[in-house]
Amino acid sequence: MANPLVAPHLHFYPEETQGPISETFQAERWMEYTPSQLTPMYSRGNKRWWIEEVGQLHDGRYVLPHTWIVRNRVLTTDVSIITRTEDGCCKLEDSIEETVDAANLKLDFNDIRAQFGDEQTWVNDHAVPAMPNPMCKLVDDDEDLLVLMVSPWADDVSGNHSKQYNKHMNMCTGNSCLPGRLLQQEFHVHYISTSPHATSAEQFTTFRNHVKEHGDGTREVL
């Protein structure tokens, strides 16, 4: 995100397409991850909507977003409808689900808390997820939590400029959130490690352990 030339091209959400699949983020593999393993939030201005947190639509209805998926080049969310009873309690209507455009969201969870207070009474609290979303703690209030998909690979090359072969095992990666036309450019190939002794499996293991050690410990990254 720090590179202004690259940031506009990043795709953080899975995309459903009716035509041929030409990008990594359009493949079914992304849909196999749970929503919490993908980018779990969407921001607009100073508002941030997280999955499994109450939000309000422009039409006044309260919803619980479950996913963020690009459909027909528009970011959408699959939501459950939340109603309010006569005595002011909230009720999660599990049987009522809709798909709405993310642009139709008006108020985020912080707005809801400012309007009704921190403690809300639920009719069916056993079915209601913890709010705020625990992943909010991974970032500051004014920061977004974005998930990057990386595609590491290994290849054996010669370490010499001469004709004498000197095998090295190189490990590199690419940012799968970028379109394929950019991933084909050397600028977007990132070097990880090289060794004349360590096998690709050994380098992959070290890379995986490094990611896990610096992750949040709540999700399986690789």
Foldseek 3Di string as FASTA:
>chain_A
DVDPVAVVQFAQFAEDDPDDDQAPSPDCVRVVDFQVLGFQWDDDDLDIAGALAWFAFPVGWIWHFGHWYQYPNFTKTKTWTWDADPVGAIETDPVDIDIDTPVRTDGHRVRVCVVPNDDGHHPCVVPRDDPPPPCCVVDDSRDGDTDWDKDKDKDWAAPDPDPDRQIKIWIWIFTSSGGPVVRVDPVRIGTDDMDSPDDPVRVVVVVLVVCCVPDPVPDRND
